[in-house]
Amino acid sequence: MSDEMQQDPVAEPTPEQPTLPPQRRRYGSLFWREWIRPFILILLVMGTFRSAIADWNHVPTGSMKPTILVGDRIFVNKLAYDLKIPFTRIRLASWSEPERGDLVVFFSPADGKRLVKRVVGLPGDRVSMSDNHLRVNGTAINYTDLSSAVVDELEEADQRFHDFRTEHLGDRSHPVMLAPLRPSKRSFDEVRIPEGSFFVMGDNRDESFDSRWFAVVDASLIVGRATAVAISVDPDHYYVPRWNRFFTGLP
């Protein structure tokens, strides 16, 4: 046995954990209480409002010309048809369904992007088109001339290379724009709309990705109804405001 005695190791003293001075703790608590917490609450309230009650959508394409122009920011009424749990697609209550002629905002069945189009076919309807002339339930839709005031809001190139009409869907009327020189799907055989689904089309008929391509839109994908232009800027002219379009209703 060794003469040297084995000694227990001596534990080194652990440094004390640094603590914030009382004044800094007070400032941190005040910053959280007076600034961070109210800011988070505001974001939560705004997010809930935009998710379930009302929202606005920027329009980056011309598929809804001449009704909606590129650079319009449209108001979307999310309570037009139902009430959903915020941040979900789960319906809590339903009191209405889209009507023929409504402008609806929905998630595209093709890629999930948010689009705005016009409802032309309701559940149970039979819809067909021949050379850009719609038929609904065997009845040809009526078309008349479009007011020059609507056409004058478009760029000169749009006016030169497009034709314009007013389309009458029952007691609802709205403008449509056609591009005769552009390849497009101007005709399709009769389609019967299944229950719980809607056939939608863009008002810029020959330049719209709509139900002619991705078929019908299920009601669960519909976000709400577009009712007005809130603000509008012209992206082709340095984003100059189009004051005449501010707070104007959509047909």
Protein backbone atom coordinates (compact mmCIF):
# COMPACT_ATOMS: atom_id res chain seq x y z
CA MET A 1 0.00 0.00 0.00
CA SER A 2 1.41 3.39 -1.01
CA ASP A 3 2.51 5.74 1.72
CA GLU A 4 0.91 8.58 -0.15
CA MET A 5 -2.64 9.08 0.88
CA GLN A 6 -5.18 9.67 -1.89
CA GLN A 7 -6.94 12.96 -1.37
CA ASP A 8 -10.38 13.82 -2.54
CA PRO A 9 -10.31 16.37 -5.35
CA VAL A 10 -11.24 19.82 -4.22
CA ALA A 11 -14.12 21.26 -6.22
CA GLU A 12 -13.31 24.54 -7.83
CA PRO A 13 -15.65 27.34 -6.86
CA THR A 14 -18.24 28.04 -9.55
CA PRO A 15 -18.53 31.60 -10.69
CA GLU A 16 -21.73 33.31 -9.77
CA GLN A 17 -24.23 33.74 -12.58
CA PRO A 18 -24.31 37.32 -13.81
CA THR A 19 -27.50 39.12 -13.01
CA LEU A 20 -28.92 42.21 -14.63
CA PRO A 21 -28.89 45.33 -12.57
CA PRO A 22 -32.35 46.19 -11.21
CA GLN A 23 -32.56 49.27 -13.44
CA ARG A 24 -31.93 47.25 -16.63
CA ARG A 25 -34.51 44.67 -15.54
CA ARG A 26 -37.05 47.44 -15.07
CA TYR A 27 -36.28 48.87 -18.52
CA GLY A 28 -36.58 45.40 -20.09
CA SER A 29 -39.92 44.78 -18.42
CA LEU A 30 -41.17 48.22 -19.46
CA PHE A 31 -40.05 47.69 -23.08
CA TRP A 32 -41.89 44.36 -23.21
CA ARG A 33 -45.02 45.72 -21.55
CA GLU A 34 -45.25 49.06 -23.39
CA TRP A 35 -43.90 48.17 -26.84
CA ILE A 36 -43.41 44.49 -27.71
CA ARG A 37 -46.60 43.05 -26.21
CA PRO A 38 -48.95 45.70 -27.73
CA PHE A 39 -47.21 45.31 -31.10
CA ILE A 40 -47.71 41.53 -31.05
CA LEU A 41 -51.35 42.03 -30.04
CA ILE A 42 -51.91 44.45 -32.92
CA LEU A 43 -50.38 41.99 -35.40
CA LEU A 44 -52.55 39.19 -34.04
CA VAL A 45 -55.74 41.27 -34.28
CA MET A 46 -54.89 42.48 -37.80
CA GLY A 47 -53.98 38.98 -38.93
CA THR A 48 -57.22 37.56 -37.56
CA PHE A 49 -59.24 40.36 -39.19
CA ARG A 50 -57.58 39.84 -42.58
CA SER A 51 -57.90 36.07 -42.34
CA ALA A 52 -61.58 35.83 -41.41
CA ILE A 53 -63.33 39.15 -42.05
CA ALA A 54 -61.85 41.32 -44.80
CA ASP A 55 -58.65 41.62 -46.79
CA TRP A 56 -57.16 43.37 -49.79
CA ASN A 57 -55.44 41.79 -52.78
CA HIS A 58 -52.82 43.24 -55.09
CA VAL A 59 -53.56 42.41 -58.75
CA PRO A 60 -50.33 41.71 -60.69
CA THR A 61 -51.80 40.47 -64.02
CA GLY A 62 -54.27 41.66 -66.62
CA SER A 63 -56.52 38.58 -66.70
CA MET A 64 -59.47 40.61 -65.38
CA LYS A 65 -59.15 43.65 -67.66
CA PRO A 66 -61.02 45.88 -68.25
CA THR A 67 -62.81 45.35 -64.90
CA ILE A 68 -59.63 45.13 -62.80
CA LEU A 69 -56.37 46.69 -63.97
CA VAL A 70 -52.80 45.75 -63.17
CA GLY A 71 -51.87 47.75 -60.08
CA ASP A 72 -55.34 47.73 -58.54
CA ARG A 73 -55.62 46.70 -54.90
CA ILE A 74 -59.05 45.19 -54.44
CA PHE A 75 -61.14 44.86 -51.29
CA VAL A 76 -62.20 41.29 -50.46
CA ASN A 77 -65.23 40.64 -48.27
CA LYS A 78 -64.48 37.34 -46.52
CA LEU A 79 -67.86 37.31 -44.78
CA ALA A 80 -69.78 37.41 -48.06
CA TYR A 81 -70.53 33.70 -47.99
CA ASP A 82 -69.40 32.20 -44.71
CA LEU A 83 -67.33 32.49 -41.54
CA LYS A 84 -64.14 30.46 -41.25
CA ILE A 85 -61.84 29.77 -38.33
CA PRO A 86 -59.02 32.34 -38.71
CA PHE A 87 -55.95 31.06 -40.58
CA THR A 88 -57.82 27.93 -41.74
CA ARG A 89 -60.39 26.91 -44.38
CA ILE A 90 -62.72 25.36 -41.81
CA ARG A 91 -66.24 26.80 -42.00
CA LEU A 92 -67.93 27.75 -38.77
CA ALA A 93 -71.11 28.97 -40.47
CA SER A 94 -72.41 29.48 -43.99
CA TRP A 95 -75.22 31.81 -45.06
CA SER A 96 -74.76 32.28 -48.79
CA GLU A 97 -73.12 30.89 -51.93
CA PRO A 98 -71.51 32.75 -54.84
CA GLU A 99 -73.98 33.98 -57.43
CA ARG A 100 -73.58 34.11 -61.17
CA GLY A 101 -71.60 37.24 -62.00
CA ASP A 102 -69.81 37.50 -58.62
CA LEU A 103 -66.11 38.27 -58.55
CA VAL A 104 -64.56 35.68 -56.25
CA VAL A 105 -61.08 35.35 -54.79
CA PHE A 106 -59.99 31.73 -54.43
CA PHE A 107 -57.02 29.37 -54.27
CA SER A 108 -56.30 27.94 -57.71
CA PRO A 109 -56.90 24.16 -57.96
CA ALA A 110 -53.85 24.04 -60.25
CA ASP A 111 -51.12 25.56 -58.09
CA GLY A 112 -52.70 27.04 -54.95
CA LYS A 113 -52.12 30.67 -55.97
CA ARG A 114 -54.75 33.24 -55.03
CA LEU A 115 -56.72 34.33 -58.09
CA VAL A 116 -59.70 36.56 -58.79
CA LYS A 117 -62.20 35.51 -61.46
CA ARG A 118 -65.88 35.86 -62.30
CA VAL A 119 -68.42 33.14 -61.57
CA VAL A 120 -70.21 32.16 -64.78
CA GLY A 121 -71.49 28.71 -63.78
CA LEU A 122 -73.25 27.59 -60.58
CA PRO A 123 -73.67 24.06 -59.19
CA GLY A 124 -75.92 22.10 -61.55
CA ASP A 125 -75.48 24.54 -64.46
CA ARG A 126 -74.52 23.47 -67.98
CA VAL A 127 -71.92 25.81 -69.45
CA SER A 128 -70.41 25.89 -72.95
CA MET A 129 -68.73 28.45 -75.20
CA SER A 130 -68.47 28.91 -78.95
CA ASP A 131 -66.13 31.54 -80.37
CA ASN A 132 -66.17 33.47 -77.06
CA HIS A 133 -69.97 33.37 -76.82
CA LEU A 134 -71.16 31.76 -73.60
CA ARG A 135 -74.19 29.53 -73.23
CA VAL A 136 -75.60 28.72 -69.80
CA ASN A 137 -78.23 25.98 -69.46
CA GLY A 138 -78.77 26.05 -73.20
CA THR A 139 -79.42 29.81 -73.34
CA ALA A 140 -77.04 32.06 -75.25
CA ILE A 141 -75.68 34.94 -73.18
CA ASN A 142 -76.46 38.39 -74.55
CA TYR A 143 -73.65 40.80 -75.53
CA THR A 144 -73.85 44.53 -76.25
CA ASP A 145 -71.40 47.36 -76.93
CA LEU A 146 -69.18 48.50 -74.08
CA SER A 147 -69.10 52.11 -72.90
CA SER A 148 -66.13 54.06 -74.25
CA ALA A 149 -65.50 55.42 -70.74
CA VAL A 150 -64.41 51.94 -69.62
CA VAL A 151 -62.21 51.40 -72.68
CA ASP A 152 -60.53 54.80 -72.27
CA GLU A 153 -59.01 53.69 -68.94
CA LEU A 154 -56.87 51.10 -70.76
CA GLU A 155 -53.48 51.56 -72.39
CA GLU A 156 -53.46 52.51 -76.07
CA ALA A 157 -52.04 49.10 -77.04
CA ASP A 158 -54.89 47.34 -75.24
CA GLN A 159 -57.43 49.49 -77.03
CA ARG A 160 -55.83 48.90 -80.44
CA PHE A 161 -55.52 45.11 -80.33
CA HIS A 162 -58.63 44.08 -78.40
CA ASP A 163 -62.37 43.96 -78.90
CA PHE A 164 -64.76 44.95 -76.11
CA ARG A 165 -68.27 43.94 -75.11
CA THR A 166 -70.71 44.07 -72.24
CA GLU A 167 -71.70 40.58 -71.13
CA HIS A 168 -75.13 40.13 -69.54
CA LEU A 169 -75.29 37.21 -67.10
CA GLY A 170 -78.95 37.24 -66.14
CA ASP A 171 -79.59 40.59 -64.46
CA ARG A 172 -75.83 41.23 -63.96
CA SER A 173 -73.71 43.05 -66.56
CA HIS A 174 -69.95 43.49 -66.79
CA PRO A 175 -67.29 44.30 -69.40
CA VAL A 176 -65.24 41.67 -71.24
CA MET A 177 -62.17 42.05 -73.43
CA LEU A 178 -61.18 39.80 -76.36
CA ALA A 179 -57.85 39.40 -78.17
CA PRO A 180 -58.66 38.15 -81.70
CA LEU A 181 -54.99 37.84 -82.72
CA ARG A 182 -53.96 35.77 -79.69
CA PRO A 183 -54.24 31.95 -79.66
CA SER A 184 -56.73 30.99 -76.98
CA LYS A 185 -59.42 28.52 -75.95
CA ARG A 186 -62.45 30.35 -77.34
CA SER A 187 -64.73 27.32 -77.51
CA PHE A 188 -65.44 24.30 -75.32
CA ASP A 189 -68.12 21.63 -75.16
CA GLU A 190 -70.89 21.73 -72.60
CA VAL A 191 -69.75 21.12 -69.02
CA ARG A 192 -72.09 20.27 -66.15
CA ILE A 193 -71.00 21.87 -62.89
CA PRO A 194 -71.01 19.40 -59.98
CA GLU A 195 -72.55 20.25 -56.62
CA GLY A 196 -70.38 22.42 -54.40
CA SER A 197 -68.35 23.75 -57.34
CA PHE A 198 -68.27 26.81 -59.58
CA PHE A 199 -67.09 27.58 -63.11
CA VAL A 200 -65.04 30.78 -63.20
CA MET A 201 -63.58 32.86 -66.04
CA GLY A 202 -61.54 36.02 -66.44
CA ASP A 203 -63.07 39.10 -68.06
CA ASN A 204 -59.99 39.29 -70.30
CA ARG A 205 -61.24 36.14 -71.97
CA ASP A 206 -58.34 35.30 -74.28
CA GLU A 207 -55.63 36.01 -71.69
CA SER A 208 -56.98 34.31 -68.58
CA PHE A 209 -56.01 31.09 -66.81
CA ASP A 210 -59.38 29.91 -65.52
CA SER A 211 -61.84 27.01 -65.41
CA ARG A 212 -61.25 26.31 -69.09
CA TRP A 213 -57.82 25.06 -68.01
CA PHE A 214 -58.07 23.92 -64.37
CA ALA A 215 -61.77 22.90 -64.36
CA VAL A 216 -64.22 23.90 -61.64
CA VAL A 217 -63.43 25.53 -58.29
CA ASP A 218 -64.62 23.79 -55.13
CA ALA A 219 -66.47 26.02 -52.66
CA SER A 220 -63.88 25.23 -49.97
CA LEU A 221 -61.23 27.06 -52.04
CA ILE A 222 -63.17 30.33 -52.21
CA VAL A 223 -61.80 33.04 -49.93
CA GLY A 224 -64.44 35.73 -50.43
CA ARG A 225 -66.00 38.20 -52.85
CA ALA A 226 -64.14 41.11 -54.43
CA THR A 227 -66.36 44.17 -54.12
CA ALA A 228 -64.30 47.31 -54.82
CA VAL A 229 -60.99 48.83 -55.85
CA ALA A 230 -59.44 50.29 -52.72
CA ILE A 231 -56.46 52.00 -54.36
CA SER A 232 -54.82 51.84 -57.78
CA VAL A 233 -51.40 52.73 -59.18
CA ASP A 234 -50.05 52.55 -62.73
CA PRO A 235 -46.92 50.34 -62.75
CA ASP A 236 -46.13 51.32 -66.34
CA HIS A 237 -45.91 55.01 -65.44
CA TYR A 238 -43.77 55.16 -62.28
CA TYR A 239 -46.66 53.93 -60.09
CA VAL A 240 -48.60 57.16 -60.45
CA PRO A 241 -51.91 56.86 -58.54
CA ARG A 242 -55.04 56.39 -60.63
CA TRP A 243 -57.15 58.65 -58.43
CA ASN A 244 -60.34 58.03 -60.39
CA ARG A 245 -60.23 54.34 -59.43
CA PHE A 246 -59.82 54.84 -55.69
CA PHE A 247 -62.77 53.43 -53.69
CA THR A 248 -64.80 52.44 -56.74
CA GLY A 249 -67.17 49.47 -56.82
CA LEU A 250 -66.63 46.48 -59.08
CA PRO A 251 -69.38 45.33 -61.44
